[in-house]
Amino acid sequence: MSNYPKPDAATLVKIYEKMELIRQNDERAHKVVKAGRIIMPYYSPRGQEVIPSAISVSLTAQDYICTIYRGTHDMLAKGVPLKLLWAELAGRVTGTCKGKGGPMHITHPETGVMVTTGVVGSSMPIANGLAWASQLSGDGRVTIANFGDGAANIGAFHESLNMAALWKLPVIFVCQNNRYAEHTTFANSTAVERIGDRAASYGMPGITIDGNDPDVMYGAAKIAIDRARAGEGPTLIEAMTYRFNGHLLGDDGHYMDKEERQRAIAADPVARLRKRLIDEGALSEADAVRIETDISAQLDEAIEFALQSEYPALDEIRRDVFAHELA
């Protein structure tokens, strides 16, 4: 890993800005739901901020990602506009899917967020389809397939990796291993020690890395993205991380090892990178506060925009369902 490309100071600041946005957005989601202002299921990505933030700085706006219902951090890192995101969370017509997708189905092709799926493991075959289209058209796009450790035991994982390797598709499979598949520990659901080792079975590079280290995450992602863009095929990245909260809002996480959880929270990657940037002179304390204040103001504006927007009209129930409206 010593020969991985490393992010410069400016890139690390960009990574931090994305991470702070994810952190604050998660905090707001908890507050808004608990206050009863929006009723929705919510799956916290807190603790996993580094992974999409360090990947996205090497992607273009035209590159694709597919993510899952816990993937709010992936959407934010890729650039889904806050107002449209929150309007969709609130079920309003101004949302990314006109209020008809909700939190588990955020889609915003303009920023390359092609699908958010509630079906475990389904991000991977969809990503293959997008990557195949890019390969056929020669558009140079790369596709990221995000999924959790539980999804690595789904048939779609094995089928997708086999197809991607066989056809040398420009796709990167990113397993965000947060140690828990809903309420089941990794050790109780997976026989192999590392999911990254499975890549060898399909003839593609596979690595297991510290997904909470922005340098390592950036370097591994950049190599994989550059490989894919050069036509050299897919990569499997297992990014080890930790889910700070329960499976969804309302789950107290009683099944999680308390000491392990406390250690993970104490090593909060957002706070750690903030301190590092200040210590290394890449940011001043005033700079960091400005970034945080600006994000807070953007969230205020986005949430109010969402809550002031209209709900979809009744005639929207049949729109976007059929290619041709039924008589």
C-alpha atoms as a PDB file:
ATOM      1  CA  MET A   1       0.000   0.000   0.000  1.00  0.00           C
ATOM      2  CA  SER A   2       3.030   2.286   0.309  1.00  0.00           C
ATOM      3  CA  ASN A   3       3.007   2.788  -3.471  1.00  0.00           C
ATOM      4  CA  TYR A   4      -0.635   3.892  -3.561  1.00  0.00           C
ATOM      5  CA  PRO A   5      -1.153   7.400  -4.944  1.00  0.00           C
ATOM      6  CA  LYS A   6      -1.802   9.811  -2.094  1.00  0.00           C
ATOM      7  CA  PRO A   7      -4.192  12.755  -2.068  1.00  0.00           C
ATOM      8  CA  ASP A   8      -2.644  16.194  -1.895  1.00  0.00           C
ATOM      9  CA  ALA A   9      -3.783  18.719   0.704  1.00  0.00           C
ATOM     10  CA  ALA A  10      -6.438  20.288  -1.525  1.00  0.00           C
ATOM     11  CA  THR A  11      -7.925  16.868  -2.295  1.00  0.00           C
ATOM     12  CA  LEU A  12      -7.973  15.949   1.382  1.00  0.00           C
ATOM     13  CA  VAL A  13      -9.895  19.157   2.098  1.00  0.00           C
ATOM     14  CA  LYS A  14     -12.452  18.177  -0.570  1.00  0.00           C
ATOM     15  CA  ILE A  15     -12.758  14.751   1.027  1.00  0.00           C
ATOM     16  CA  TYR A  16     -13.290  16.373   4.420  1.00  0.00           C
ATOM     17  CA  GLU A  17     -15.985  18.708   3.061  1.00  0.00           C
ATOM     18  CA  LYS A  18     -17.926  15.731   1.710  1.00  0.00           C
ATOM     19  CA  MET A  19     -17.490  13.834   4.974  1.00  0.00           C
ATOM     20  CA  GLU A  20     -18.718  16.776   7.036  1.00  0.00           C
ATOM     21  CA  LEU A  21     -21.743  17.140   4.759  1.00  0.00           C
ATOM     22  CA  ILE A  22     -22.574  13.461   5.307  1.00  0.00           C
ATOM     23  CA  ARG A  23     -22.126  13.805   9.072  1.00  0.00           C
ATOM     24  CA  GLN A  24     -24.322  16.872   9.368  1.00  0.00           C
ATOM     25  CA  ASN A  25     -26.940  15.469   7.005  1.00  0.00           C
ATOM     26  CA  ASP A  26     -27.206  12.361   9.167  1.00  0.00           C
ATOM     27  CA  GLU A  27     -27.576  14.489  12.291  1.00  0.00           C
ATOM     28  CA  ARG A  28     -30.374  16.493  10.658  1.00  0.00           C
ATOM     29  CA  ALA A  29     -32.185  13.380   9.479  1.00  0.00           C
ATOM     30  CA  HIS A  30     -32.340  12.090  13.048  1.00  0.00           C
ATOM     31  CA  LYS A  31     -33.646  15.425  14.328  1.00  0.00           C
ATOM     32  CA  VAL A  32     -36.233  15.940  11.593  1.00  0.00           C
ATOM     33  CA  VAL A  33     -37.672  12.439  11.939  1.00  0.00           C
ATOM     34  CA  LYS A  34     -37.698  12.503  15.746  1.00  0.00           C
ATOM     35  CA  ALA A  35     -39.453  15.886  15.664  1.00  0.00           C
ATOM     36  CA  GLY A  36     -42.148  14.402  13.420  1.00  0.00           C
ATOM     37  CA  ARG A  37     -41.511  16.876  10.591  1.00  0.00           C
ATOM     38  CA  ILE A  38     -40.931  14.074   8.070  1.00  0.00           C
ATOM     39  CA  ILE A  39     -42.124  10.492   8.372  1.00  0.00           C
ATOM     40  CA  MET A  40     -39.764   8.078   6.644  1.00  0.00           C
ATOM     41  CA  PRO A  41     -37.553   5.050   7.241  1.00  0.00           C
ATOM     42  CA  TYR A  42     -33.957   6.146   7.741  1.00  0.00           C
ATOM     43  CA  TYR A  43     -30.762   4.098   7.594  1.00  0.00           C
ATOM     44  CA  SER A  44     -27.792   5.928   9.056  1.00  0.00           C
ATOM     45  CA  PRO A  45     -24.440   5.765   7.221  1.00  0.00           C
ATOM     46  CA  ARG A  46     -22.625   7.399  10.146  1.00  0.00           C
ATOM     47  CA  GLY A  47     -19.101   6.047  10.483  1.00  0.00           C
ATOM     48  CA  GLN A  48     -18.778   5.231   6.781  1.00  0.00           C
ATOM     49  CA  GLU A  49     -18.119   8.771   5.524  1.00  0.00           C
ATOM     50  CA  VAL A  50     -14.603   8.218   4.210  1.00  0.00           C
ATOM     51  CA  ILE A  51     -15.461   5.578   1.620  1.00  0.00           C
ATOM     52  CA  PRO A  52     -17.627   7.507  -0.873  1.00  0.00           C
ATOM     53  CA  SER A  53     -15.888  10.803  -0.136  1.00  0.00           C
ATOM     54  CA  ALA A  54     -12.458   9.431  -1.024  1.00  0.00           C
ATOM     55  CA  ILE A  55     -13.820   7.604  -4.093  1.00  0.00           C
ATOM     56  CA  SER A  56     -15.845  10.485  -5.534  1.00  0.00           C
ATOM     57  CA  VAL A  57     -12.935  12.927  -5.826  1.00  0.00           C
ATOM     58  CA  SER A  58     -11.531  10.675  -8.575  1.00  0.00           C
ATOM     59  CA  LEU A  59     -14.847  10.448 -10.451  1.00  0.00           C
ATOM     60  CA  THR A  60     -16.319  12.828 -12.998  1.00  0.00           C
ATOM     61  CA  ALA A  61     -19.908  14.066 -12.950  1.00  0.00           C
ATOM     62  CA  GLN A  62     -20.547  11.722 -15.891  1.00  0.00           C
ATOM     63  CA  ASP A  63     -19.370   8.583 -14.053  1.00  0.00           C
ATOM     64  CA  TYR A  64     -22.076   6.368 -12.602  1.00  0.00           C
ATOM     65  CA  ILE A  65     -22.795   4.984  -9.160  1.00  0.00           C
ATOM     66  CA  CYS A  66     -25.359   2.451  -8.011  1.00  0.00           C
ATOM     67  CA  THR A  67     -26.091   2.366  -4.317  1.00  0.00           C
ATOM     68  CA  ILE A  68     -28.397   0.897  -1.698  1.00  0.00           C
ATOM     69  CA  TYR A  69     -30.979   2.105   0.798  1.00  0.00           C
ATOM     70  CA  ARG A  70     -28.218   2.863   3.338  1.00  0.00           C
ATOM     71  CA  GLY A  71     -26.374   4.855   0.690  1.00  0.00           C
ATOM     72  CA  THR A  72     -27.227   8.453   1.579  1.00  0.00           C
ATOM     73  CA  HIS A  73     -23.501   9.080   1.990  1.00  0.00           C
ATOM     74  CA  ASP A  74     -22.835   7.735  -1.512  1.00  0.00           C
ATOM     75  CA  MET A  75     -25.468  10.077  -2.990  1.00  0.00           C
ATOM     76  CA  LEU A  76     -24.163  13.139  -1.159  1.00  0.00           C
ATOM     77  CA  ALA A  77     -20.534  12.430  -2.056  1.00  0.00           C
ATOM     78  CA  LYS A  78     -21.479  12.083  -5.733  1.00  0.00           C
ATOM     79  CA  GLY A  79     -23.258  15.437  -5.679  1.00  0.00           C
ATOM     80  CA  VAL A  80     -27.033  14.952  -5.531  1.00  0.00           C
ATOM     81  CA  PRO A  81     -28.383  18.483  -4.834  1.00  0.00           C
ATOM     82  CA  LEU A  82     -29.472  18.850  -1.218  1.00  0.00           C
ATOM     83  CA  LYS A  83     -32.798  20.502  -2.004  1.00  0.00           C
ATOM     84  CA  LEU A  84     -33.835  17.755  -4.399  1.00  0.00           C
ATOM     85  CA  LEU A  85     -32.621  15.054  -2.036  1.00  0.00           C
ATOM     86  CA  TRP A  86     -34.561  16.382   0.936  1.00  0.00           C
ATOM     87  CA  ALA A  87     -37.670  16.998  -1.161  1.00  0.00           C
ATOM     88  CA  GLU A  88     -37.607  13.341  -2.182  1.00  0.00           C
ATOM     89  CA  LEU A  89     -37.111  12.258   1.427  1.00  0.00           C
ATOM     90  CA  ALA A  90     -40.188  14.305   2.282  1.00  0.00           C
ATOM     91  CA  GLY A  91     -42.218  12.808  -0.577  1.00  0.00           C
ATOM     92  CA  ARG A  92     -42.630  16.131  -2.397  1.00  0.00           C
ATOM     93  CA  VAL A  93     -43.078  16.719  -6.104  1.00  0.00           C
ATOM     94  CA  THR A  94     -39.849  18.758  -6.275  1.00  0.00           C
ATOM     95  CA  GLY A  95     -37.800  15.702  -5.269  1.00  0.00           C
ATOM     96  CA  THR A  96     -35.419  13.743  -7.467  1.00  0.00           C
ATOM     97  CA  CYS A  97     -38.185  11.243  -8.285  1.00  0.00           C
ATOM     98  CA  LYS A  98     -41.113  13.666  -7.895  1.00  0.00           C
ATOM     99  CA  GLY A  99     -41.723  12.355  -4.394  1.00  0.00           C
ATOM    100  CA  LYS A 100     -42.578   8.861  -5.598  1.00  0.00           C
ATOM    101  CA  GLY A 101     -39.346   7.083  -4.697  1.00  0.00           C
ATOM    102  CA  GLY A 102     -38.720   8.200  -1.167  1.00  0.00           C
ATOM    103  CA  PRO A 103     -35.543   7.614   0.860  1.00  0.00           C
ATOM    104  CA  MET A 104     -34.920   4.090  -0.444  1.00  0.00           C
ATOM    105  CA  HIS A 105     -35.030   5.007  -4.141  1.00  0.00           C
ATOM    106  CA  ILE A 106     -33.134   8.257  -4.685  1.00  0.00           C
ATOM    107  CA  THR A 107     -32.131   8.551  -8.345  1.00  0.00           C
ATOM    108  CA  HIS A 108     -30.449  11.528  -9.994  1.00  0.00           C
ATOM    109  CA  PRO A 109     -28.853  10.747 -13.381  1.00  0.00           C
ATOM    110  CA  GLU A 110     -27.602  14.342 -13.766  1.00  0.00           C
ATOM    111  CA  THR A 111     -24.987  13.622 -11.106  1.00  0.00           C
ATOM    112  CA  GLY A 112     -24.518   9.978 -12.071  1.00  0.00           C
ATOM    113  CA  VAL A 113     -26.602   8.496  -9.234  1.00  0.00           C
ATOM    114  CA  MET A 114     -28.371   5.993 -11.452  1.00  0.00           C
ATOM    115  CA  VAL A 115     -30.231   3.949  -8.881  1.00  0.00           C
ATOM    116  CA  THR A 116     -30.738   3.494  -5.158  1.00  0.00           C
ATOM    117  CA  THR A 117     -32.147   0.061  -4.547  1.00  0.00           C
ATOM    118  CA  GLY A 118     -33.886  -1.552  -1.607  1.00  0.00           C
ATOM    119  CA  VAL A 119     -33.140  -5.046  -2.912  1.00  0.00           C
ATOM    120  CA  VAL A 120     -30.024  -6.462  -1.255  1.00  0.00           C
ATOM    121  CA  GLY A 121     -27.286  -7.210  -3.782  1.00  0.00           C
ATOM    122  CA  SER A 122     -29.067  -5.725  -6.785  1.00  0.00           C
ATOM    123  CA  SER A 123     -26.722  -2.736  -7.187  1.00  0.00           C
ATOM    124  CA  MET A 124     -24.130  -5.029  -8.785  1.00  0.00           C
ATOM    125  CA  PRO A 125     -25.963  -6.449 -11.837  1.00  0.00           C
ATOM    126  CA  ILE A 126     -27.405  -2.994 -12.537  1.00  0.00           C
ATOM    127  CA  ALA A 127     -23.888  -1.533 -12.387  1.00  0.00           C
ATOM    128  CA  ASN A 128     -22.745  -4.191 -14.851  1.00  0.00           C
ATOM    129  CA  GLY A 129     -25.459  -3.106 -17.270  1.00  0.00           C
ATOM    130  CA  LEU A 130     -24.347   0.517 -17.063  1.00  0.00           C
ATOM    131  CA  ALA A 131     -20.697  -0.464 -17.449  1.00  0.00           C
ATOM    132  CA  TRP A 132     -21.502  -2.637 -20.455  1.00  0.00           C
ATOM    133  CA  ALA A 133     -23.328   0.282 -22.077  1.00  0.00           C
ATOM    134  CA  SER A 134     -20.254   2.454 -21.491  1.00  0.00           C
ATOM    135  CA  GLN A 135     -18.007  -0.191 -22.960  1.00  0.00           C
ATOM    136  CA  LEU A 136     -20.177  -0.502 -26.070  1.00  0.00           C
ATOM    137  CA  SER A 137     -20.478   3.253 -26.585  1.00  0.00           C
ATOM    138  CA  GLY A 138     -16.861   4.019 -25.683  1.00  0.00           C
ATOM    139  CA  ASP A 139     -17.946   6.957 -23.521  1.00  0.00           C
ATOM    140  CA  GLY A 140     -15.116   6.432 -21.001  1.00  0.00           C
ATOM    141  CA  ARG A 141     -17.432   6.307 -18.010  1.00  0.00           C
ATOM    142  CA  VAL A 142     -16.707   4.210 -14.932  1.00  0.00           C
ATOM    143  CA  THR A 143     -19.413   2.695 -12.723  1.00  0.00           C
ATOM    144  CA  ILE A 144     -19.190   2.156  -8.956  1.00  0.00           C
ATOM    145  CA  ALA A 145     -21.353  -0.566  -7.396  1.00  0.00           C
ATOM    146  CA  ASN A 146     -21.785   0.038  -3.653  1.00  0.00           C
ATOM    147  CA  PHE A 147     -23.041  -2.731  -1.376  1.00  0.00           C
ATOM    148  CA  GLY A 148     -22.633  -4.094   2.135  1.00  0.00           C
ATOM    149  CA  ASP A 149     -20.990  -7.216   3.520  1.00  0.00           C
ATOM    150  CA  GLY A 150     -24.331  -9.027   3.722  1.00  0.00           C
ATOM    151  CA  ALA A 151     -24.878  -8.545  -0.022  1.00  0.00           C
ATOM    152  CA  ALA A 152     -21.580 -10.316  -0.731  1.00  0.00           C
ATOM    153  CA  ASN A 153     -23.382 -13.558   0.139  1.00  0.00           C
ATOM    154  CA  ILE A 154     -26.128 -13.002  -2.428  1.00  0.00           C
ATOM    155  CA  GLY A 155     -26.051 -14.848  -5.760  1.00  0.00           C
ATOM    156  CA  ALA A 156     -26.008 -11.545  -7.661  1.00  0.00           C
ATOM    157  CA  PHE A 157     -22.565 -10.804  -6.178  1.00  0.00           C
ATOM    158  CA  HIS A 158     -21.001 -13.924  -7.691  1.00  0.00           C
ATOM    159  CA  GLU A 159     -22.808 -13.641 -11.017  1.00  0.00           C
ATOM    160  CA  SER A 160     -21.895  -9.973 -11.378  1.00  0.00           C
ATOM    161  CA  LEU A 161     -18.209 -10.410 -10.571  1.00  0.00           C
ATOM    162  CA  ASN A 162     -17.963 -13.323 -12.994  1.00  0.00           C
ATOM    163  CA  MET A 163     -19.595 -11.377 -15.833  1.00  0.00           C
ATOM    164  CA  ALA A 164     -17.602  -8.190 -15.159  1.00  0.00           C
ATOM    165  CA  ALA A 165     -14.302 -10.089 -15.193  1.00  0.00           C
ATOM    166  CA  LEU A 166     -15.231 -12.085 -18.289  1.00  0.00           C
ATOM    167  CA  TRP A 167     -16.144  -8.980 -20.288  1.00  0.00           C
ATOM    168  CA  LYS A 168     -13.572  -6.660 -18.637  1.00  0.00           C
ATOM    169  CA  LEU A 169     -16.285  -4.178 -17.742  1.00  0.00           C
ATOM    170  CA  PRO A 170     -15.334  -0.701 -16.417  1.00  0.00           C
ATOM    171  CA  VAL A 171     -16.894  -1.292 -12.995  1.00  0.00           C
ATOM    172  CA  ILE A 172     -15.577  -1.188  -9.426  1.00  0.00           C
ATOM    173  CA  PHE A 173     -17.326  -3.282  -6.798  1.00  0.00           C
ATOM    174  CA  VAL A 174     -17.097  -1.506  -3.428  1.00  0.00           C
ATOM    175  CA  CYS A 175     -18.075  -3.635  -0.450  1.00  0.00           C
ATOM    176  CA  GLN A 176     -18.560  -1.280   2.483  1.00  0.00           C
ATOM    177  CA  ASN A 177     -18.005  -3.861   5.210  1.00  0.00           C
ATOM    178  CA  ASN A 178     -19.496  -2.230   8.296  1.00  0.00           C
ATOM    179  CA  ARG A 179     -19.382  -5.544  10.243  1.00  0.00           C
ATOM    180  CA  TYR A 180     -23.180  -6.001  10.409  1.00  0.00           C
ATOM    181  CA  ALA A 181     -25.712  -7.300   7.881  1.00  0.00           C
ATOM    182  CA  GLU A 182     -28.830  -5.797   9.477  1.00  0.00           C
ATOM    183  CA  HIS A 183     -28.535  -7.446  12.928  1.00  0.00           C
ATOM    184  CA  THR A 184     -26.064 -10.228  12.065  1.00  0.00           C
ATOM    185  CA  THR A 185     -22.329  -9.974  12.653  1.00  0.00           C
ATOM    186  CA  PHE A 186     -19.929 -10.601   9.807  1.00  0.00           C
ATOM    187  CA  ALA A 187     -18.482 -13.645  11.602  1.00  0.00           C
ATOM    188  CA  ASN A 188     -21.931 -15.210  11.872  1.00  0.00           C
ATOM    189  CA  SER A 189     -22.787 -14.779   8.201  1.00  0.00           C
ATOM    190  CA  THR A 190     -19.568 -15.254   6.225  1.00  0.00           C
ATOM    191  CA  ALA A 191     -17.085 -18.136   6.352  1.00  0.00           C
ATOM    192  CA  VAL A 192     -14.166 -16.370   4.649  1.00  0.00           C
ATOM    193  CA  GLU A 193     -12.057 -13.918   6.608  1.00  0.00           C
ATOM    194  CA  ARG A 194     -11.942 -11.333   3.805  1.00  0.00           C
ATOM    195  CA  ILE A 195     -14.477 -10.682   1.063  1.00  0.00           C
ATOM    196  CA  GLY A 196     -11.686  -9.126  -0.992  1.00  0.00           C
ATOM    197  CA  ASP A 197     -10.103 -12.587  -1.340  1.00  0.00           C
ATOM    198  CA  ARG A 198     -13.080 -13.772  -3.385  1.00  0.00           C
ATOM    199  CA  ALA A 199     -11.959 -11.681  -6.368  1.00  0.00           C
ATOM    200  CA  ALA A 200      -9.292 -14.251  -7.229  1.00  0.00           C
ATOM    201  CA  SER A 201     -12.042 -16.752  -8.037  1.00  0.00           C
ATOM    202  CA  TYR A 202     -13.160 -14.527 -10.893  1.00  0.00           C
ATOM    203  CA  GLY A 203      -9.778 -13.447 -12.212  1.00  0.00           C
ATOM    204  CA  MET A 204      -9.898  -9.831 -11.079  1.00  0.00           C
ATOM    205  CA  PRO A 205      -7.868  -7.779  -8.596  1.00  0.00           C
ATOM    206  CA  GLY A 206      -9.309  -7.745  -5.097  1.00  0.00           C
ATOM    207  CA  ILE A 207      -8.138  -5.940  -1.971  1.00  0.00           C
ATOM    208  CA  THR A 208      -9.208  -5.477   1.627  1.00  0.00           C
ATOM    209  CA  ILE A 209      -8.312  -2.068   3.046  1.00  0.00           C
ATOM    210  CA  ASP A 210      -9.057   0.285   5.915  1.00  0.00           C
ATOM    211  CA  GLY A 211     -12.059   2.173   4.559  1.00  0.00           C
ATOM    212  CA  ASN A 212     -11.756   4.767   7.316  1.00  0.00           C
ATOM    213  CA  ASP A 213      -8.271   5.857   6.211  1.00  0.00           C
ATOM    214  CA  PRO A 214      -8.718   8.612   3.596  1.00  0.00           C
ATOM    215  CA  ASP A 215      -5.212   8.138   2.142  1.00  0.00           C
ATOM    216  CA  VAL A 216      -5.600   4.399   1.626  1.00  0.00           C
ATOM    217  CA  MET A 217      -9.192   4.666   0.434  1.00  0.00           C
ATOM    218  CA  TYR A 218      -8.282   7.383  -2.059  1.00  0.00           C
ATOM    219  CA  GLY A 219      -5.250   5.475  -3.365  1.00  0.00           C
ATOM    220  CA  ALA A 220      -7.040   2.147  -3.800  1.00  0.00           C
ATOM    221  CA  ALA A 221     -10.036   3.780  -5.488  1.00  0.00           C
ATOM    222  CA  LYS A 222      -7.886   5.852  -7.848  1.00  0.00           C
ATOM    223  CA  ILE A 223      -5.956   2.807  -9.039  1.00  0.00           C
ATOM    224  CA  ALA A 224      -9.191   0.873  -9.616  1.00  0.00           C
ATOM    225  CA  ILE A 225     -10.868   3.801 -11.394  1.00  0.00           C
ATOM    226  CA  ASP A 226      -7.840   4.408 -13.625  1.00  0.00           C
ATOM    227  CA  ARG A 227      -7.696   0.678 -14.485  1.00  0.00           C
ATOM    228  CA  ALA A 228     -11.375   0.594 -15.386  1.00  0.00           C
ATOM    229  CA  ARG A 229     -11.147   3.770 -17.470  1.00  0.00           C
ATOM    230  CA  ALA A 230      -8.173   2.344 -19.372  1.00  0.00           C
ATOM    231  CA  GLY A 231     -10.162  -0.745 -20.358  1.00  0.00           C
ATOM    232  CA  GLU A 232      -8.347  -3.094 -17.967  1.00  0.00           C
ATOM    233  CA  GLY A 233     -11.507  -4.343 -16.276  1.00  0.00           C
ATOM    234  CA  PRO A 234     -13.093  -4.487 -12.822  1.00  0.00           C
ATOM    235  CA  THR A 235     -11.747  -4.435  -9.269  1.00  0.00           C
ATOM    236  CA  LEU A 236     -13.261  -5.615  -5.984  1.00  0.00           C
ATOM    237  CA  ILE A 237     -12.532  -3.304  -3.037  1.00  0.00           C
ATOM    238  CA  GLU A 238     -13.526  -4.426   0.433  1.00  0.00           C
ATOM    239  CA  ALA A 239     -13.434  -1.272   2.554  1.00  0.00           C
ATOM    240  CA  MET A 240     -13.496  -2.094   6.250  1.00  0.00           C
ATOM    241  CA  THR A 241     -15.495   0.392   8.291  1.00  0.00           C
ATOM    242  CA  TYR A 242     -17.985   0.479  11.159  1.00  0.00           C
ATOM    243  CA  ARG A 243     -21.647   1.385  11.440  1.00  0.00           C
ATOM    244  CA  PHE A 244     -22.076   3.683  14.443  1.00  0.00           C
ATOM    245  CA  ASN A 245     -25.848   3.225  14.718  1.00  0.00           C
ATOM    246  CA  GLY A 246     -28.373   0.411  14.534  1.00  0.00           C
ATOM    247  CA  HIS A 247     -29.731  -0.985  11.303  1.00  0.00           C
ATOM    248  CA  LEU A 248     -32.308   1.791  11.019  1.00  0.00           C
ATOM    249  CA  LEU A 249     -33.589   4.721  13.055  1.00  0.00           C
ATOM    250  CA  GLY A 250     -35.294   3.269  16.118  1.00  0.00           C
ATOM    251  CA  ASP A 251     -32.937   0.286  16.372  1.00  0.00           C
ATOM    252  CA  ASP A 252     -30.881   0.742  19.546  1.00  0.00           C
ATOM    253  CA  GLY A 253     -28.084  -1.560  18.361  1.00  0.00           C
ATOM    254  CA  HIS A 254     -28.263  -3.737  21.502  1.00  0.00           C
ATOM    255  CA  TYR A 255     -26.850  -6.670  19.506  1.00  0.00           C
ATOM    256  CA  MET A 256     -23.641  -4.758  18.721  1.00  0.00           C
ATOM    257  CA  ASP A 257     -20.519  -5.305  20.813  1.00  0.00           C
ATOM    258  CA  LYS A 258     -20.502  -2.313  23.159  1.00  0.00           C
ATOM    259  CA  GLU A 259     -16.725  -1.983  23.541  1.00  0.00           C
ATOM    260  CA  GLU A 260     -16.111  -2.351  19.805  1.00  0.00           C
ATOM    261  CA  ARG A 261     -18.762   0.264  19.107  1.00  0.00           C
ATOM    262  CA  GLN A 262     -17.301   2.688  21.645  1.00  0.00           C
ATOM    263  CA  ARG A 263     -13.829   2.309  20.125  1.00  0.00           C
ATOM    264  CA  ALA A 264     -15.196   2.982  16.639  1.00  0.00           C
ATOM    265  CA  ILE A 265     -17.070   6.105  17.731  1.00  0.00           C
ATOM    266  CA  ALA A 266     -14.022   7.365  19.633  1.00  0.00           C
ATOM    267  CA  ALA A 267     -12.040   7.035  16.389  1.00  0.00           C
ATOM    268  CA  ASP A 268     -14.661   9.018  14.427  1.00  0.00           C
ATOM    269  CA  PRO A 269     -13.088   9.456  10.959  1.00  0.00           C
ATOM    270  CA  VAL A 270     -14.680  12.889  10.451  1.00  0.00           C
ATOM    271  CA  ALA A 271     -13.231  14.382  13.635  1.00  0.00           C
ATOM    272  CA  ARG A 272      -9.925  12.641  13.004  1.00  0.00           C
ATOM    273  CA  LEU A 273      -9.498  14.093   9.503  1.00  0.00           C
ATOM    274  CA  ARG A 274     -10.546  17.553  10.706  1.00  0.00           C
ATOM    275  CA  LYS A 275      -7.828  17.493  13.376  1.00  0.00           C
ATOM    276  CA  ARG A 276      -5.238  16.198  10.931  1.00  0.00           C
ATOM    277  CA  LEU A 277      -5.950  18.928   8.367  1.00  0.00           C
ATOM    278  CA  ILE A 278      -5.593  21.625  11.024  1.00  0.00           C
ATOM    279  CA  ASP A 279      -2.437  20.042  12.491  1.00  0.00           C
ATOM    280  CA  GLU A 280      -0.856  19.828   9.027  1.00  0.00           C
ATOM    281  CA  GLY A 281      -1.828  23.391   8.122  1.00  0.00           C
ATOM    282  CA  ALA A 282      -4.162  22.440   5.269  1.00  0.00           C
ATOM    283  CA  LEU A 283      -7.037  24.117   7.149  1.00  0.00           C
ATOM    284  CA  SER A 284      -7.191  26.690   9.892  1.00  0.00           C
ATOM    285  CA  GLU A 285      -9.742  26.375  12.676  1.00  0.00           C
ATOM    286  CA  ALA A 286     -11.567  29.334  11.140  1.00  0.00           C
ATOM    287  CA  ASP A 287     -11.595  27.603   7.732  1.00  0.00           C
ATOM    288  CA  ALA A 288     -13.067  24.461   9.263  1.00  0.00           C
ATOM    289  CA  VAL A 289     -15.754  26.437  11.071  1.00  0.00           C
ATOM    290  CA  ARG A 290     -16.654  28.243   7.826  1.00  0.00           C
ATOM    291  CA  ILE A 291     -17.053  24.938   6.014  1.00  0.00           C
ATOM    292  CA  GLU A 292     -19.229  23.554   8.799  1.00  0.00           C
ATOM    293  CA  THR A 293     -21.345  26.712   9.060  1.00  0.00           C
ATOM    294  CA  ASP A 294     -21.886  26.825   5.298  1.00  0.00           C
ATOM    295  CA  ILE A 295     -23.020  23.185   5.236  1.00  0.00           C
ATOM    296  CA  SER A 296     -25.397  23.837   8.124  1.00  0.00           C
ATOM    297  CA  ALA A 297     -26.941  26.769   6.257  1.00  0.00           C
ATOM    298  CA  GLN A 298     -27.321  24.680   3.096  1.00  0.00           C
ATOM    299  CA  LEU A 299     -29.130  22.001   5.092  1.00  0.00           C
ATOM    300  CA  ASP A 300     -31.439  24.579   6.675  1.00  0.00           C
ATOM    301  CA  GLU A 301     -32.356  25.846   3.234  1.00  0.00           C
ATOM    302  CA  ALA A 302     -32.804  22.364   1.762  1.00  0.00           C
ATOM    303  CA  ILE A 303     -35.063  21.128   4.551  1.00  0.00           C
ATOM    304  CA  GLU A 304     -37.261  24.218   4.424  1.00  0.00           C
ATOM    305  CA  PHE A 305     -37.451  23.939   0.619  1.00  0.00           C
ATOM    306  CA  ALA A 306     -38.592  20.341   1.000  1.00  0.00           C
ATOM    307  CA  LEU A 307     -41.203  21.077   3.636  1.00  0.00           C
ATOM    308  CA  GLN A 308     -42.590  24.034   1.699  1.00  0.00           C
ATOM    309  CA  SER A 309     -42.911  22.007  -1.519  1.00  0.00           C
ATOM    310  CA  GLU A 310     -46.177  20.420  -2.637  1.00  0.00           C
ATOM    311  CA  TYR A 311     -47.023  16.742  -2.499  1.00  0.00           C
ATOM    312  CA  PRO A 312     -47.442  15.018  -5.898  1.00  0.00           C
ATOM    313  CA  ALA A 313     -50.871  15.430  -7.512  1.00  0.00           C
ATOM    314  CA  LEU A 314     -53.066  12.343  -7.735  1.00  0.00           C
ATOM    315  CA  ASP A 315     -52.562  12.052 -11.488  1.00  0.00           C
ATOM    316  CA  GLU A 316     -48.846  11.386 -10.823  1.00  0.00           C
ATOM    317  CA  ILE A 317     -49.765   7.898  -9.612  1.00  0.00           C
ATOM    318  CA  ARG A 318     -49.970   6.636 -13.222  1.00  0.00           C
ATOM    319  CA  ARG A 319     -47.162   8.741 -14.651  1.00  0.00           C
ATOM    320  CA  ASP A 320     -43.669   7.248 -15.095  1.00  0.00           C
ATOM    321  CA  VAL A 321     -45.111   3.746 -14.784  1.00  0.00           C
ATOM    322  CA  PHE A 322     -46.002   2.777 -18.368  1.00  0.00           C
ATOM    323  CA  ALA A 323     -44.384   3.826 -21.625  1.00  0.00           C
ATOM    324  CA  HIS A 324     -47.868   4.504 -22.925  1.00  0.00           C
ATOM    325  CA  GLU A 325     -50.716   5.427 -20.626  1.00  0.00           C
ATOM    326  CA  LEU A 326     -53.402   2.758 -20.453  1.00  0.00           C
ATOM    327  CA  ALA A 327     -56.862   3.693 -21.687  1.00  0.00           C
END
